[in-house]
Amino acid sequence: MNRPTRELVAAVAAFLAAIVVFCLALEVEGRFLFQLGLFDQTGAMAIATAGVVVTVFGFAYALARRRFVLPRAGCIAVAVVLVPYLFTWSLGVPRVLTDFTSAEVAEYKRDKAEDNRVWDVHPVIRFYVAFPVAPGLVLTYHEYQVAGLDGEGSWELSLWYGSSSRSLWHHSLWIS
């Protein structure tokens, strides 16, 4: 394998390792720190999480650069997977986020029409993580609050197929 291909493969492997660590860090923060009331508003946790992710990326990149040696067929296979993955990243992730937002805004409009505890602060829709885990599969963590007792924070795995997406797996961390 030539040097530029090895560098690309190492960077992709390191990036995926860093994303996995980032998702795990968000899960730990969501489960333990918020529920125990230990979350600080200064951003120290965000800085610490970024530091861990950058460190994991650096170590994974260095290790992958030394260890990855693919035959020619392996390079072709990496390209065949990498191109659809990049399409999913550039077109699929925005489509999935748009679909989630559209559904939540429709729910907000319905609650507002029914005068169902909708206040001035609503709607609140936040996406914290959104990335493709494989070509056509997008993992997201997002939270929304469209009315006083109508909200959720959840992980979702969605299948993106061109002009639409469909949820395949859903794990709620909190529901109101």
C-alpha atoms as a PDB file:
ATOM      1  CA  MET A   1       0.000   0.000   0.000  1.00  0.00           C
ATOM      2  CA  ASN A   2       1.376   3.393  -0.913  1.00  0.00           C
ATOM      3  CA  ARG A   3       1.976   6.062   1.707  1.00  0.00           C
ATOM      4  CA  PRO A   4      -1.015   8.372   0.938  1.00  0.00           C
ATOM      5  CA  THR A   5      -3.448   5.422   1.092  1.00  0.00           C
ATOM      6  CA  ARG A   6      -1.927   4.222   4.372  1.00  0.00           C
ATOM      7  CA  GLU A   7      -2.260   7.734   5.787  1.00  0.00           C
ATOM      8  CA  LEU A   8      -5.915   7.918   4.710  1.00  0.00           C
ATOM      9  CA  VAL A   9      -6.761   4.510   6.165  1.00  0.00           C
ATOM     10  CA  ALA A  10      -4.986   5.411   9.407  1.00  0.00           C
ATOM     11  CA  ALA A  11      -6.844   8.719   9.648  1.00  0.00           C
ATOM     12  CA  VAL A  12     -10.241   7.069   9.041  1.00  0.00           C
ATOM     13  CA  ALA A  13      -9.538   4.338  11.614  1.00  0.00           C
ATOM     14  CA  ALA A  14      -8.392   6.912  14.157  1.00  0.00           C
ATOM     15  CA  PHE A  15     -11.428   9.095  13.464  1.00  0.00           C
ATOM     16  CA  LEU A  16     -13.812   6.178  14.024  1.00  0.00           C
ATOM     17  CA  ALA A  17     -12.049   5.258  17.279  1.00  0.00           C
ATOM     18  CA  ALA A  18     -12.333   8.868  18.471  1.00  0.00           C
ATOM     19  CA  ILE A  19     -16.047   8.988  17.590  1.00  0.00           C
ATOM     20  CA  VAL A  20     -16.714   5.809  19.572  1.00  0.00           C
ATOM     21  CA  VAL A  21     -14.911   7.284  22.587  1.00  0.00           C
ATOM     22  CA  PHE A  22     -16.851  10.542  22.168  1.00  0.00           C
ATOM     23  CA  CYS A  23     -20.193   8.700  22.161  1.00  0.00           C
ATOM     24  CA  LEU A  24     -19.199   6.722  25.238  1.00  0.00           C
ATOM     25  CA  ALA A  25     -18.171   9.932  26.989  1.00  0.00           C
ATOM     26  CA  LEU A  26     -21.544  11.518  26.180  1.00  0.00           C
ATOM     27  CA  GLU A  27     -23.315   8.442  27.514  1.00  0.00           C
ATOM     28  CA  VAL A  28     -21.339   8.599  30.775  1.00  0.00           C
ATOM     29  CA  GLU A  29     -21.957  12.318  31.114  1.00  0.00           C
ATOM     30  CA  GLY A  30     -25.666  11.895  30.411  1.00  0.00           C
ATOM     31  CA  ARG A  31     -26.182   8.961  32.730  1.00  0.00           C
ATOM     32  CA  PHE A  32     -24.071   9.901  35.703  1.00  0.00           C
ATOM     33  CA  LEU A  33     -23.136  13.543  35.817  1.00  0.00           C
ATOM     34  CA  PHE A  34     -26.497  15.054  34.876  1.00  0.00           C
ATOM     35  CA  GLN A  35     -28.509  12.635  37.009  1.00  0.00           C
ATOM     36  CA  LEU A  36     -26.270  13.209  40.034  1.00  0.00           C
ATOM     37  CA  GLY A  37     -26.376  16.958  39.575  1.00  0.00           C
ATOM     38  CA  LEU A  38     -22.621  17.159  39.081  1.00  0.00           C
ATOM     39  CA  PHE A  39     -22.760  18.936  35.732  1.00  0.00           C
ATOM     40  CA  ASP A  40     -20.952  22.247  35.742  1.00  0.00           C
ATOM     41  CA  GLN A  41     -21.935  25.096  33.476  1.00  0.00           C
ATOM     42  CA  THR A  42     -18.332  26.279  32.966  1.00  0.00           C
ATOM     43  CA  GLY A  43     -17.606  23.893  30.123  1.00  0.00           C
ATOM     44  CA  ALA A  44     -14.848  22.019  31.975  1.00  0.00           C
ATOM     45  CA  MET A  45     -16.495  18.701  31.120  1.00  0.00           C
ATOM     46  CA  ALA A  46     -16.641  19.620  27.430  1.00  0.00           C
ATOM     47  CA  ILE A  47     -12.957  20.543  27.473  1.00  0.00           C
ATOM     48  CA  ALA A  48     -12.057  17.298  29.266  1.00  0.00           C
ATOM     49  CA  THR A  49     -14.111  15.255  26.790  1.00  0.00           C
ATOM     50  CA  ALA A  50     -12.455  16.999  23.839  1.00  0.00           C
ATOM     51  CA  GLY A  51      -9.051  16.293  25.366  1.00  0.00           C
ATOM     52  CA  VAL A  52      -9.818  12.592  25.728  1.00  0.00           C
ATOM     53  CA  VAL A  53     -11.140  12.382  22.159  1.00  0.00           C
ATOM     54  CA  VAL A  54      -8.095  14.166  20.701  1.00  0.00           C
ATOM     55  CA  THR A  55      -5.759  11.919  22.699  1.00  0.00           C
ATOM     56  CA  VAL A  56      -7.526   8.756  21.502  1.00  0.00           C
ATOM     57  CA  PHE A  57      -7.392  10.053  17.928  1.00  0.00           C
ATOM     58  CA  GLY A  58      -3.638  10.669  18.209  1.00  0.00           C
ATOM     59  CA  PHE A  59      -2.851   7.264  19.664  1.00  0.00           C
ATOM     60  CA  ALA A  60      -5.154   5.425  17.241  1.00  0.00           C
ATOM     61  CA  TYR A  61      -3.657   7.309  14.283  1.00  0.00           C
ATOM     62  CA  ALA A  62      -0.097   6.502  15.320  1.00  0.00           C
ATOM     63  CA  LEU A  63      -0.939   2.838  15.883  1.00  0.00           C
ATOM     64  CA  ALA A  64      -2.873   2.504  12.624  1.00  0.00           C
ATOM     65  CA  ARG A  65      -0.064   4.157  10.642  1.00  0.00           C
ATOM     66  CA  ARG A  66       2.391   1.557  11.872  1.00  0.00           C
ATOM     67  CA  ARG A  67       0.124  -1.482  11.665  1.00  0.00           C
ATOM     68  CA  PHE A  68      -2.058  -1.033   8.585  1.00  0.00           C
ATOM     69  CA  VAL A  69      -0.623  -2.757   5.545  1.00  0.00           C
ATOM     70  CA  LEU A  70      -3.321  -3.648   3.037  1.00  0.00           C
ATOM     71  CA  PRO A  71      -2.895  -5.596  -0.182  1.00  0.00           C
ATOM     72  CA  ARG A  72      -4.096  -3.992  -3.434  1.00  0.00           C
ATOM     73  CA  ALA A  73      -7.519  -5.663  -3.139  1.00  0.00           C
ATOM     74  CA  GLY A  74      -7.805  -4.222   0.365  1.00  0.00           C
ATOM     75  CA  CYS A  75      -7.160  -0.713  -0.952  1.00  0.00           C
ATOM     76  CA  ILE A  76      -9.934  -1.139  -3.505  1.00  0.00           C
ATOM     77  CA  ALA A  77     -12.262  -2.432  -0.786  1.00  0.00           C
ATOM     78  CA  VAL A  78     -11.445   0.582   1.401  1.00  0.00           C
ATOM     79  CA  ALA A  79     -12.288   2.891  -1.512  1.00  0.00           C
ATOM     80  CA  VAL A  80     -15.546   1.034  -2.211  1.00  0.00           C
ATOM     81  CA  VAL A  81     -16.604   1.479   1.424  1.00  0.00           C
ATOM     82  CA  LEU A  82     -15.152   4.961   1.884  1.00  0.00           C
ATOM     83  CA  VAL A  83     -16.994   6.627  -1.013  1.00  0.00           C
ATOM     84  CA  PRO A  84     -20.518   5.598   0.139  1.00  0.00           C
ATOM     85  CA  TYR A  85     -19.503   6.442   3.719  1.00  0.00           C
ATOM     86  CA  LEU A  86     -18.543   9.965   2.658  1.00  0.00           C
ATOM     87  CA  PHE A  87     -21.819  10.310   0.727  1.00  0.00           C
ATOM     88  CA  THR A  88     -23.685   9.239   3.854  1.00  0.00           C
ATOM     89  CA  TRP A  89     -21.732  11.789   5.869  1.00  0.00           C
ATOM     90  CA  SER A  90     -22.372  14.664   3.474  1.00  0.00           C
ATOM     91  CA  LEU A  91     -25.945  13.880   2.358  1.00  0.00           C
ATOM     92  CA  GLY A  92     -27.384  11.302   4.770  1.00  0.00           C
ATOM     93  CA  VAL A  93     -26.629  12.998   8.082  1.00  0.00           C
ATOM     94  CA  PRO A  94     -28.316  16.295   7.085  1.00  0.00           C
ATOM     95  CA  ARG A  95     -31.323  14.350   5.738  1.00  0.00           C
ATOM     96  CA  VAL A  96     -31.736  12.395   8.987  1.00  0.00           C
ATOM     97  CA  LEU A  97     -31.446  15.578  11.065  1.00  0.00           C
ATOM     98  CA  THR A  98     -33.992  17.291   8.827  1.00  0.00           C
ATOM     99  CA  ASP A  99     -36.421  14.384   9.205  1.00  0.00           C
ATOM    100  CA  PHE A 100     -36.116  14.441  13.010  1.00  0.00           C
ATOM    101  CA  THR A 101     -36.549  18.207  13.138  1.00  0.00           C
ATOM    102  CA  SER A 102     -39.565  18.132  10.821  1.00  0.00           C
ATOM    103  CA  ALA A 103     -41.313  15.501  12.946  1.00  0.00           C
ATOM    104  CA  GLU A 104     -40.612  17.417  16.157  1.00  0.00           C
ATOM    105  CA  VAL A 105     -41.764  20.752  14.724  1.00  0.00           C
ATOM    106  CA  ALA A 106     -44.994  19.082  13.530  1.00  0.00           C
ATOM    107  CA  GLU A 107     -45.494  17.737  17.054  1.00  0.00           C
ATOM    108  CA  TYR A 108     -44.860  21.228  18.453  1.00  0.00           C
ATOM    109  CA  LYS A 109     -47.445  22.760  16.092  1.00  0.00           C
ATOM    110  CA  ARG A 110     -49.980  20.138  17.110  1.00  0.00           C
ATOM    111  CA  ASP A 111     -49.377  20.792  20.820  1.00  0.00           C
ATOM    112  CA  LYS A 112     -49.537  24.561  20.252  1.00  0.00           C
ATOM    113  CA  ALA A 113     -52.875  24.232  18.423  1.00  0.00           C
ATOM    114  CA  GLU A 114     -54.240  22.187  21.339  1.00  0.00           C
ATOM    115  CA  ASP A 115     -52.784  24.684  23.862  1.00  0.00           C
ATOM    116  CA  ASN A 116     -51.022  21.786  25.555  1.00  0.00           C
ATOM    117  CA  ARG A 117     -48.519  23.434  27.949  1.00  0.00           C
ATOM    118  CA  VAL A 118     -46.543  25.167  25.202  1.00  0.00           C
ATOM    119  CA  TRP A 119     -44.614  28.119  26.601  1.00  0.00           C
ATOM    120  CA  ASP A 120     -42.384  30.812  25.139  1.00  0.00           C
ATOM    121  CA  VAL A 121     -39.243  28.692  25.545  1.00  0.00           C
ATOM    122  CA  HIS A 122     -40.565  25.943  23.257  1.00  0.00           C
ATOM    123  CA  PRO A 123     -39.573  24.288  21.013  1.00  0.00           C
ATOM    124  CA  VAL A 124     -36.045  23.287  22.020  1.00  0.00           C
ATOM    125  CA  ILE A 125     -34.343  20.862  19.626  1.00  0.00           C
ATOM    126  CA  ARG A 126     -30.656  19.997  20.053  1.00  0.00           C
ATOM    127  CA  PHE A 127     -28.449  17.524  18.220  1.00  0.00           C
ATOM    128  CA  TYR A 128     -25.312  16.519  20.094  1.00  0.00           C
ATOM    129  CA  VAL A 129     -24.000  13.646  17.983  1.00  0.00           C
ATOM    130  CA  ALA A 130     -24.744  12.691  14.395  1.00  0.00           C
ATOM    131  CA  PHE A 131     -22.429  10.569  12.289  1.00  0.00           C
ATOM    132  CA  PRO A 132     -22.570   7.590   9.955  1.00  0.00           C
ATOM    133  CA  VAL A 133     -21.481   4.288  11.522  1.00  0.00           C
ATOM    134  CA  ALA A 134     -21.553   2.619   8.093  1.00  0.00           C
ATOM    135  CA  PRO A 135     -22.689   3.631   4.619  1.00  0.00           C
ATOM    136  CA  GLY A 136     -26.407   4.395   4.887  1.00  0.00           C
ATOM    137  CA  LEU A 137     -26.569   4.104   8.723  1.00  0.00           C
ATOM    138  CA  VAL A 138     -26.583   7.270  10.841  1.00  0.00           C
ATOM    139  CA  LEU A 139     -26.291   7.279  14.639  1.00  0.00           C
ATOM    140  CA  THR A 140     -27.619  10.359  16.448  1.00  0.00           C
ATOM    141  CA  TYR A 141     -28.123  11.585  19.963  1.00  0.00           C
ATOM    142  CA  HIS A 142     -30.580  14.423  20.229  1.00  0.00           C
ATOM    143  CA  GLU A 143     -32.907  16.022  22.726  1.00  0.00           C
ATOM    144  CA  TYR A 144     -36.102  17.931  22.176  1.00  0.00           C
ATOM    145  CA  GLN A 145     -38.733  19.602  24.318  1.00  0.00           C
ATOM    146  CA  VAL A 146     -41.763  20.774  22.343  1.00  0.00           C
ATOM    147  CA  ALA A 147     -44.111  21.339  25.286  1.00  0.00           C
ATOM    148  CA  GLY A 148     -44.065  21.236  29.069  1.00  0.00           C
ATOM    149  CA  LEU A 149     -44.463  17.470  29.235  1.00  0.00           C
ATOM    150  CA  ASP A 150     -43.522  16.471  25.714  1.00  0.00           C
ATOM    151  CA  GLY A 151     -39.822  15.856  25.194  1.00  0.00           C
ATOM    152  CA  GLU A 152     -37.127  13.232  25.010  1.00  0.00           C
ATOM    153  CA  GLY A 153     -33.397  12.645  24.870  1.00  0.00           C
ATOM    154  CA  SER A 154     -32.454   9.574  22.860  1.00  0.00           C
ATOM    155  CA  TRP A 155     -29.952   7.680  20.760  1.00  0.00           C
ATOM    156  CA  GLU A 156     -31.267   6.594  17.362  1.00  0.00           C
ATOM    157  CA  LEU A 157     -29.852   4.543  14.548  1.00  0.00           C
ATOM    158  CA  SER A 158     -31.428   5.522  11.240  1.00  0.00           C
ATOM    159  CA  LEU A 159     -31.293   4.050   7.778  1.00  0.00           C
ATOM    160  CA  TRP A 160     -30.779   6.736   5.130  1.00  0.00           C
ATOM    161  CA  TYR A 161     -31.897   5.848   1.623  1.00  0.00           C
ATOM    162  CA  GLY A 162     -31.687   8.869  -0.618  1.00  0.00           C
ATOM    163  CA  SER A 163     -34.548  11.275  -0.076  1.00  0.00           C
ATOM    164  CA  SER A 164     -35.753   9.850   3.235  1.00  0.00           C
ATOM    165  CA  SER A 165     -34.712   8.039   6.382  1.00  0.00           C
ATOM    166  CA  ARG A 166     -36.207   5.489   8.741  1.00  0.00           C
ATOM    167  CA  SER A 167     -35.434   4.788  12.389  1.00  0.00           C
ATOM    168  CA  LEU A 168     -34.108   1.268  12.997  1.00  0.00           C
ATOM    169  CA  TRP A 169     -33.236   1.483  16.704  1.00  0.00           C
ATOM    170  CA  HIS A 170     -34.228   3.894  19.465  1.00  0.00           C
ATOM    171  CA  HIS A 171     -32.910   4.119  23.038  1.00  0.00           C
ATOM    172  CA  SER A 172     -34.387   6.813  25.283  1.00  0.00           C
ATOM    173  CA  LEU A 173     -32.288   8.227  28.103  1.00  0.00           C
ATOM    174  CA  TRP A 174     -35.049  10.479  29.381  1.00  0.00           C
ATOM    175  CA  ILE A 175     -38.678  11.250  28.531  1.00  0.00           C
ATOM    176  CA  SER A 176     -40.929  14.037  29.785  1.00  0.00           C
END
